[in-house]
């Protein structure tokens, strides 16, 4: 696996999804909800978006925005 922006984004998004109870923890196989951790990971993605503004390709920017929007909507539903 290559270390790149998409992998970093997906790593944070996966952590948020697990904390929202949308995916099981790969180590334990258990699905648990932790809204504080989900919010933390979503906030990290938002901060990453702000700090990288103007330095991403259009595809990277769209991907990050899509991931953030999707997670924010799922967070609100919880």
PDB file of N, CA and C in Angstrom:
ATOM      1  N   UNK A   1       0.843  -1.173   0.000  1.00  0.00           N
ATOM      2  CA  UNK A   1       0.000   0.000   0.000  1.00  0.00           C
ATOM      3  C   UNK A   1       0.892   1.240   0.000  1.00  0.00           C
ATOM      4  N   UNK A   2       0.511   2.197  -0.806  1.00  0.00           N
ATOM      5  CA  UNK A   2       1.276   3.431  -0.926  1.00  0.00           C
ATOM      6  C   UNK A   2       0.705   4.487   0.023  1.00  0.00           C
ATOM      7  N   UNK A   3       1.606   5.196   0.711  1.00  0.00           N
ATOM      8  CA  UNK A   3       1.172   6.292   1.575  1.00  0.00           C
ATOM      9  C   UNK A   3       0.858   7.500   0.702  1.00  0.00           C
ATOM     10  N   UNK A   4      -0.411   7.929   0.707  1.00  0.00           N
ATOM     11  CA  UNK A   4      -0.796   9.106  -0.057  1.00  0.00           C
ATOM     12  C   UNK A   4      -1.966   9.789   0.644  1.00  0.00           C
ATOM     13  N   UNK A   5      -2.417  10.889   0.084  1.00  0.00           N
ATOM     14  CA  UNK A   5      -3.462  11.676   0.714  1.00  0.00           C
ATOM     15  C   UNK A   5      -4.768  10.894   0.860  1.00  0.00           C
ATOM     16  N   UNK A   6      -5.119  10.117  -0.128  1.00  0.00           N
ATOM     17  CA  UNK A   6      -6.358   9.331  -0.067  1.00  0.00           C
ATOM     18  C   UNK A   6      -6.312   8.298   1.052  1.00  0.00           C
ATOM     19  N   UNK A   7      -5.169   7.678   1.246  1.00  0.00           N
ATOM     20  CA  UNK A   7      -5.029   6.682   2.314  1.00  0.00           C
ATOM     21  C   UNK A   7      -5.171   7.358   3.677  1.00  0.00           C
ATOM     22  N   UNK A   8      -4.559   8.526   3.834  1.00  0.00           N
ATOM     23  CA  UNK A   8      -4.688   9.273   5.083  1.00  0.00           C
ATOM     24  C   UNK A   8      -6.148   9.637   5.332  1.00  0.00           C
ATOM     25  N   UNK A   9      -6.818  10.140   4.316  1.00  0.00           N
ATOM     26  CA  UNK A   9      -8.223  10.514   4.432  1.00  0.00           C
ATOM     27  C   UNK A   9      -9.066   9.307   4.824  1.00  0.00           C
ATOM     28  N   UNK A  10      -8.862   8.191   4.156  1.00  0.00           N
ATOM     29  CA  UNK A  10      -9.648   6.989   4.444  1.00  0.00           C
ATOM     30  C   UNK A  10      -9.349   6.426   5.832  1.00  0.00           C
ATOM     31  N   UNK A  11      -8.128   6.574   6.295  1.00  0.00           N
ATOM     32  CA  UNK A  11      -7.779   6.117   7.637  1.00  0.00           C
ATOM     33  C   UNK A  11      -8.584   6.884   8.687  1.00  0.00           C
ATOM     34  N   UNK A  12      -8.619   8.195   8.552  1.00  0.00           N
ATOM     35  CA  UNK A  12      -9.389   9.013   9.492  1.00  0.00           C
ATOM     36  C   UNK A  12     -10.886   8.752   9.344  1.00  0.00           C
ATOM     37  N   UNK A  13     -11.344   8.600   8.112  1.00  0.00           N
ATOM     38  CA  UNK A  13     -12.753   8.324   7.864  1.00  0.00           C
ATOM     39  C   UNK A  13     -13.162   6.961   8.444  1.00  0.00           C
ATOM     40  N   UNK A  14     -12.301   5.988   8.321  1.00  0.00           N
ATOM     41  CA  UNK A  14     -12.588   4.655   8.872  1.00  0.00           C
ATOM     42  C   UNK A  14     -12.690   4.705  10.387  1.00  0.00           C
ATOM     43  N   UNK A  15     -11.818   5.475  11.002  1.00  0.00           N
ATOM     44  CA  UNK A  15     -11.877   5.629  12.454  1.00  0.00           C
ATOM     45  C   UNK A  15     -13.189   6.290  12.870  1.00  0.00           C
ATOM     46  N   UNK A  16     -13.614   7.297  12.116  1.00  0.00           N
ATOM     47  CA  UNK A  16     -14.886   7.956  12.410  1.00  0.00           C
ATOM     48  C   UNK A  16     -16.053   6.986  12.216  1.00  0.00           C
ATOM     49  N   UNK A  17     -16.017   6.210  11.142  1.00  0.00           N
ATOM     50  CA  UNK A  17     -17.089   5.246  10.868  1.00  0.00           C
ATOM     51  C   UNK A  17     -17.180   4.194  11.970  1.00  0.00           C
ATOM     52  N   UNK A  18     -16.039   3.716  12.440  1.00  0.00           N
ATOM     53  CA  UNK A  18     -16.055   2.746  13.542  1.00  0.00           C
ATOM     54  C   UNK A  18     -16.648   3.371  14.793  1.00  0.00           C
ATOM     55  N   UNK A  19     -16.273   4.629  15.070  1.00  0.00           N
ATOM     56  CA  UNK A  19     -16.782   5.298  16.263  1.00  0.00           C
ATOM     57  C   UNK A  19     -18.277   5.593  16.165  1.00  0.00           C
ATOM     58  N   UNK A  20     -18.787   5.707  14.954  1.00  0.00           N
ATOM     59  CA  UNK A  20     -20.230   5.896  14.759  1.00  0.00           C
ATOM     60  C   UNK A  20     -20.988   4.568  14.803  1.00  0.00           C
ATOM     61  N   UNK A  21     -20.263   3.475  14.920  1.00  0.00           N
ATOM     62  CA  UNK A  21     -20.888   2.155  14.957  1.00  0.00           C
ATOM     63  C   UNK A  21     -21.262   1.642  13.587  1.00  0.00           C
ATOM     64  N   UNK A  22     -20.666   2.225  12.539  1.00  0.00           N
ATOM     65  CA  UNK A  22     -20.983   1.821  11.166  1.00  0.00           C
ATOM     66  C   UNK A  22     -20.103   0.680  10.668  1.00  0.00           C
ATOM     67  N   UNK A  23     -19.028   0.441  11.388  1.00  0.00           N
ATOM     68  CA  UNK A  23     -18.093  -0.620  10.994  1.00  0.00           C
ATOM     69  C   UNK A  23     -17.490  -1.217  12.263  1.00  0.00           C
ATOM     70  N   UNK A  24     -17.223  -2.507  12.246  1.00  0.00           N
ATOM     71  CA  UNK A  24     -16.619  -3.131  13.430  1.00  0.00           C
ATOM     72  C   UNK A  24     -15.133  -2.797  13.551  1.00  0.00           C
ATOM     73  N   UNK A  25     -14.669  -2.824  14.770  1.00  0.00           N
ATOM     74  CA  UNK A  25     -13.240  -2.661  15.028  1.00  0.00           C
ATOM     75  C   UNK A  25     -12.535  -3.880  14.436  1.00  0.00           C
ATOM     76  N   UNK A  26     -11.542  -3.676  13.543  1.00  0.00           N
ATOM     77  CA  UNK A  26     -10.904  -4.827  12.899  1.00  0.00           C
ATOM     78  C   UNK A  26     -10.141  -5.737  13.870  1.00  0.00           C
ATOM     79  N   UNK A  27      -9.743  -5.217  15.001  1.00  0.00           N
ATOM     80  CA  UNK A  27      -8.997  -6.040  15.956  1.00  0.00           C
ATOM     81  C   UNK A  27      -9.914  -6.876  16.840  1.00  0.00           C
ATOM     82  N   UNK A  28     -11.071  -6.299  17.218  1.00  0.00           N
ATOM     83  CA  UNK A  28     -11.969  -7.018  18.117  1.00  0.00           C
ATOM     84  C   UNK A  28     -13.179  -7.609  17.411  1.00  0.00           C
ATOM     85  N   UNK A  29     -13.526  -7.047  16.244  1.00  0.00           N
ATOM     86  CA  UNK A  29     -14.701  -7.493  15.524  1.00  0.00           C
ATOM     87  C   UNK A  29     -15.990  -6.945  16.105  1.00  0.00           C
ATOM     88  N   UNK A  30     -15.870  -6.143  17.180  1.00  0.00           N
ATOM     89  CA  UNK A  30     -17.042  -5.576  17.836  1.00  0.00           C
ATOM     90  C   UNK A  30     -17.393  -4.218  17.238  1.00  0.00           C
ATOM     91  N   UNK A  31     -18.702  -3.944  17.223  1.00  0.00           N
ATOM     92  CA  UNK A  31     -19.193  -2.646  16.772  1.00  0.00           C
ATOM     93  C   UNK A  31     -19.626  -1.869  18.008  1.00  0.00           C
ATOM     94  N   UNK A  32     -18.989  -0.735  18.222  1.00  0.00           N
ATOM     95  CA  UNK A  32     -19.312   0.106  19.377  1.00  0.00           C
ATOM     96  C   UNK A  32     -19.431   1.548  18.929  1.00  0.00           C
ATOM     97  N   UNK A  33     -20.262   2.321  19.655  1.00  0.00           N
ATOM     98  CA  UNK A  33     -20.435   3.735  19.331  1.00  0.00           C
ATOM     99  C   UNK A  33     -19.707   4.603  20.349  1.00  0.00           C
ATOM    100  N   UNK A  34     -19.021   5.606  19.835  1.00  0.00           N
ATOM    101  CA  UNK A  34     -18.336   6.595  20.664  1.00  0.00           C
ATOM    102  C   UNK A  34     -18.433   7.924  19.911  1.00  0.00           C
ATOM    103  N   UNK A  35     -19.519   8.667  20.193  1.00  0.00           N
ATOM    104  CA  UNK A  35     -19.774   9.904  19.447  1.00  0.00           C
ATOM    105  C   UNK A  35     -18.659  10.923  19.623  1.00  0.00           C
ATOM    106  N   UNK A  36     -18.039  10.958  20.795  1.00  0.00           N
ATOM    107  CA  UNK A  36     -16.943  11.910  21.008  1.00  0.00           C
ATOM    108  C   UNK A  36     -15.761  11.595  20.093  1.00  0.00           C
ATOM    109  N   UNK A  37     -15.447  10.319  19.949  1.00  0.00           N
ATOM    110  CA  UNK A  37     -14.346   9.927  19.077  1.00  0.00           C
ATOM    111  C   UNK A  37     -14.702  10.156  17.613  1.00  0.00           C
ATOM    112  N   UNK A  38     -15.952   9.905  17.271  1.00  0.00           N
ATOM    113  CA  UNK A  38     -16.397  10.165  15.894  1.00  0.00           C
ATOM    114  C   UNK A  38     -16.258  11.648  15.573  1.00  0.00           C
ATOM    115  N   UNK A  39     -16.712  12.498  16.482  1.00  0.00           N
ATOM    116  CA  UNK A  39     -16.603  13.940  16.267  1.00  0.00           C
ATOM    117  C   UNK A  39     -15.143  14.362  16.156  1.00  0.00           C
ATOM    118  N   UNK A  40     -14.284  13.804  16.993  1.00  0.00           N
ATOM    119  CA  UNK A  40     -12.857  14.121  16.942  1.00  0.00           C
ATOM    120  C   UNK A  40     -12.277  13.799  15.572  1.00  0.00           C
ATOM    121  N   UNK A  41     -12.582  12.622  15.048  1.00  0.00           N
ATOM    122  CA  UNK A  41     -12.044  12.226  13.743  1.00  0.00           C
ATOM    123  C   UNK A  41     -12.619  13.064  12.602  1.00  0.00           C
ATOM    124  N   UNK A  42     -13.892  13.405  12.686  1.00  0.00           N
ATOM    125  CA  UNK A  42     -14.487  14.281  11.678  1.00  0.00           C
ATOM    126  C   UNK A  42     -13.844  15.664  11.762  1.00  0.00           C
ATOM    127  N   UNK A  43     -13.637  16.154  12.977  1.00  0.00           N
ATOM    128  CA  UNK A  43     -12.967  17.446  13.152  1.00  0.00           C
ATOM    129  C   UNK A  43     -11.546  17.427  12.593  1.00  0.00           C
ATOM    130  N   UNK A  44     -10.858  16.301  12.737  1.00  0.00           N
ATOM    131  CA  UNK A  44      -9.516  16.171  12.153  1.00  0.00           C
ATOM    132  C   UNK A  44      -9.575  16.307  10.632  1.00  0.00           C
ATOM    133  N   UNK A  45     -10.571  15.687  10.024  1.00  0.00           N
ATOM    134  CA  UNK A  45     -10.722  15.792   8.574  1.00  0.00           C
ATOM    135  C   UNK A  45     -11.030  17.227   8.142  1.00  0.00           C
ATOM    136  N   UNK A  46     -11.860  17.910   8.913  1.00  0.00           N
ATOM    137  CA  UNK A  46     -12.182  19.308   8.606  1.00  0.00           C
ATOM    138  C   UNK A  46     -10.932  20.171   8.734  1.00  0.00           C
ATOM    139  N   UNK A  47     -10.151  19.948   9.777  1.00  0.00           N
ATOM    140  CA  UNK A  47      -8.908  20.683   9.965  1.00  0.00           C
ATOM    141  C   UNK A  47      -7.929  20.400   8.824  1.00  0.00           C
ATOM    142  N   UNK A  48      -7.863  19.148   8.402  1.00  0.00           N
ATOM    143  CA  UNK A  48      -7.002  18.777   7.283  1.00  0.00           C
ATOM    144  C   UNK A  48      -7.432  19.511   6.016  1.00  0.00           C
ATOM    145  N   UNK A  49      -8.729  19.609   5.807  1.00  0.00           N
ATOM    146  CA  UNK A  49      -9.262  20.334   4.645  1.00  0.00           C
ATOM    147  C   UNK A  49      -8.835  21.802   4.694  1.00  0.00           C
ATOM    148  N   UNK A  50      -8.951  22.406   5.867  1.00  0.00           N
ATOM    149  CA  UNK A  50      -8.592  23.822   6.015  1.00  0.00           C
ATOM    150  C   UNK A  50      -7.098  24.044   5.816  1.00  0.00           C
ATOM    151  N   UNK A  51      -6.288  23.174   6.373  1.00  0.00           N
ATOM    152  CA  UNK A  51      -4.835  23.339   6.320  1.00  0.00           C
ATOM    153  C   UNK A  51      -4.241  23.023   4.950  1.00  0.00           C
ATOM    154  N   UNK A  52      -4.964  22.245   4.146  1.00  0.00           N
ATOM    155  CA  UNK A  52      -4.442  21.880   2.825  1.00  0.00           C
ATOM    156  C   UNK A  52      -5.095  22.670   1.699  1.00  0.00           C
ATOM    157  N   UNK A  53      -5.943  23.635   2.065  1.00  0.00           N
ATOM    158  CA  UNK A  53      -6.662  24.434   1.060  1.00  0.00           C
ATOM    159  C   UNK A  53      -5.669  25.066   0.078  1.00  0.00           C
ATOM    160  N   UNK A  54      -5.926  24.831  -1.206  1.00  0.00           N
ATOM    161  CA  UNK A  54      -5.060  25.369  -2.246  1.00  0.00           C
ATOM    162  C   UNK A  54      -3.873  24.485  -2.587  1.00  0.00           C
ATOM    163  N   UNK A  55      -3.699  23.391  -1.857  1.00  0.00           N
ATOM    164  CA  UNK A  55      -2.554  22.505  -2.089  1.00  0.00           C
ATOM    165  C   UNK A  55      -2.950  21.106  -2.561  1.00  0.00           C
ATOM    166  N   UNK A  56      -4.239  20.893  -2.773  1.00  0.00           N
ATOM    167  CA  UNK A  56      -4.712  19.583  -3.208  1.00  0.00           C
ATOM    168  C   UNK A  56      -5.120  19.626  -4.673  1.00  0.00           C
ATOM    169  N   UNK A  57      -5.048  18.468  -5.315  1.00  0.00           N
ATOM    170  CA  UNK A  57      -5.586  18.371  -6.673  1.00  0.00           C
ATOM    171  C   UNK A  57      -7.102  18.469  -6.569  1.00  0.00           C
ATOM    172  N   UNK A  58      -7.762  18.736  -7.659  1.00  0.00           N
ATOM    173  CA  UNK A  58      -9.226  18.851  -7.619  1.00  0.00           C
ATOM    174  C   UNK A  58      -9.859  17.526  -7.190  1.00  0.00           C
ATOM    175  N   UNK A  59      -9.285  16.403  -7.616  1.00  0.00           N
ATOM    176  CA  UNK A  59      -9.809  15.092  -7.211  1.00  0.00           C
ATOM    177  C   UNK A  59      -9.651  14.879  -5.711  1.00  0.00           C
ATOM    178  N   UNK A  60      -8.493  15.238  -5.166  1.00  0.00           N
ATOM    179  CA  UNK A  60      -8.262  15.088  -3.726  1.00  0.00           C
ATOM    180  C   UNK A  60      -9.230  15.973  -2.939  1.00  0.00           C
ATOM    181  N   UNK A  61      -9.415  17.199  -3.392  1.00  0.00           N
ATOM    182  CA  UNK A  61     -10.315  18.137  -2.719  1.00  0.00           C
ATOM    183  C   UNK A  61     -11.745  17.618  -2.721  1.00  0.00           C
ATOM    184  N   UNK A  62     -12.216  17.137  -3.874  1.00  0.00           N
ATOM    185  CA  UNK A  62     -13.577  16.607  -3.979  1.00  0.00           C
ATOM    186  C   UNK A  62     -13.744  15.376  -3.089  1.00  0.00           C
ATOM    187  N   UNK A  63     -12.747  14.497  -3.084  1.00  0.00           N
ATOM    188  CA  UNK A  63     -12.803  13.286  -2.275  1.00  0.00           C
ATOM    189  C   UNK A  63     -12.915  13.647  -0.794  1.00  0.00           C
ATOM    190  N   UNK A  64     -12.071  14.558  -0.342  1.00  0.00           N
ATOM    191  CA  UNK A  64     -12.085  14.968   1.059  1.00  0.00           C
ATOM    192  C   UNK A  64     -13.427  15.604   1.424  1.00  0.00           C
ATOM    193  N   UNK A  65     -13.929  16.478   0.587  1.00  0.00           N
ATOM    194  CA  UNK A  65     -15.215  17.129   0.854  1.00  0.00           C
ATOM    195  C   UNK A  65     -16.362  16.119   0.901  1.00  0.00           C
ATOM    196  N   UNK A  66     -16.331  15.152   0.000  1.00  0.00           N
ATOM    197  CA  UNK A  66     -17.370  14.115  -0.030  1.00  0.00           C
ATOM    198  C   UNK A  66     -17.336  13.274   1.243  1.00  0.00           C
ATOM    199  N   UNK A  67     -16.148  12.885   1.655  1.00  0.00           N
ATOM    200  CA  UNK A  67     -15.992  12.066   2.862  1.00  0.00           C
ATOM    201  C   UNK A  67     -16.483  12.834   4.085  1.00  0.00           C
ATOM    202  N   UNK A  68     -16.100  14.096   4.198  1.00  0.00           N
ATOM    203  CA  UNK A  68     -16.520  14.910   5.344  1.00  0.00           C
ATOM    204  C   UNK A  68     -18.030  15.068   5.370  1.00  0.00           C
ATOM    205  N   UNK A  69     -18.618  15.415   4.245  1.00  0.00           N
ATOM    206  CA  UNK A  69     -20.065  15.609   4.175  1.00  0.00           C
ATOM    207  C   UNK A  69     -20.807  14.335   4.557  1.00  0.00           C
ATOM    208  N   UNK A  70     -20.360  13.212   4.022  1.00  0.00           N
ATOM    209  CA  UNK A  70     -21.003  11.928   4.316  1.00  0.00           C
ATOM    210  C   UNK A  70     -20.937  11.620   5.810  1.00  0.00           C
ATOM    211  N   UNK A  71     -19.772  11.795   6.402  1.00  0.00           N
ATOM    212  CA  UNK A  71     -19.618  11.500   7.830  1.00  0.00           C
ATOM    213  C   UNK A  71     -20.414  12.469   8.699  1.00  0.00           C
ATOM    214  N   UNK A  72     -20.452  13.737   8.318  1.00  0.00           N
ATOM    215  CA  UNK A  72     -21.225  14.708   9.085  1.00  0.00           C
ATOM    216  C   UNK A  72     -22.710  14.367   9.067  1.00  0.00           C
ATOM    217  N   UNK A  73     -23.211  13.959   7.906  1.00  0.00           N
ATOM    218  CA  UNK A  73     -24.627  13.564   7.819  1.00  0.00           C
ATOM    219  C   UNK A  73     -24.920  12.338   8.693  1.00  0.00           C
ATOM    220  N   UNK A  74     -24.027  11.378   8.664  1.00  0.00           N
ATOM    221  CA  UNK A  74     -24.209  10.169   9.489  1.00  0.00           C
ATOM    222  C   UNK A  74     -24.103  10.504  10.965  1.00  0.00           C
ATOM    223  N   UNK A  75     -23.222  11.440  11.304  1.00  0.00           N
ATOM    224  CA  UNK A  75     -23.073  11.854  12.707  1.00  0.00           C
ATOM    225  C   UNK A  75     -24.376  12.487  13.204  1.00  0.00           C
ATOM    226  N   UNK A  76     -24.959  13.364  12.405  1.00  0.00           N
ATOM    227  CA  UNK A  76     -26.200  14.039  12.783  1.00  0.00           C
ATOM    228  C   UNK A  76     -27.331  13.036  12.964  1.00  0.00           C
ATOM    229  N   UNK A  77     -27.372  12.008  12.111  1.00  0.00           N
ATOM    230  CA  UNK A  77     -28.412  10.975  12.208  1.00  0.00           C
ATOM    231  C   UNK A  77     -28.300  10.165  13.502  1.00  0.00           C
ATOM    232  N   UNK A  78     -27.085  10.062  14.011  1.00  0.00           N
ATOM    233  CA  UNK A  78     -26.878   9.319  15.260  1.00  0.00           C
ATOM    234  C   UNK A  78     -27.346  10.169  16.405  1.00  0.00           C
TER     235      UNK A  78
END
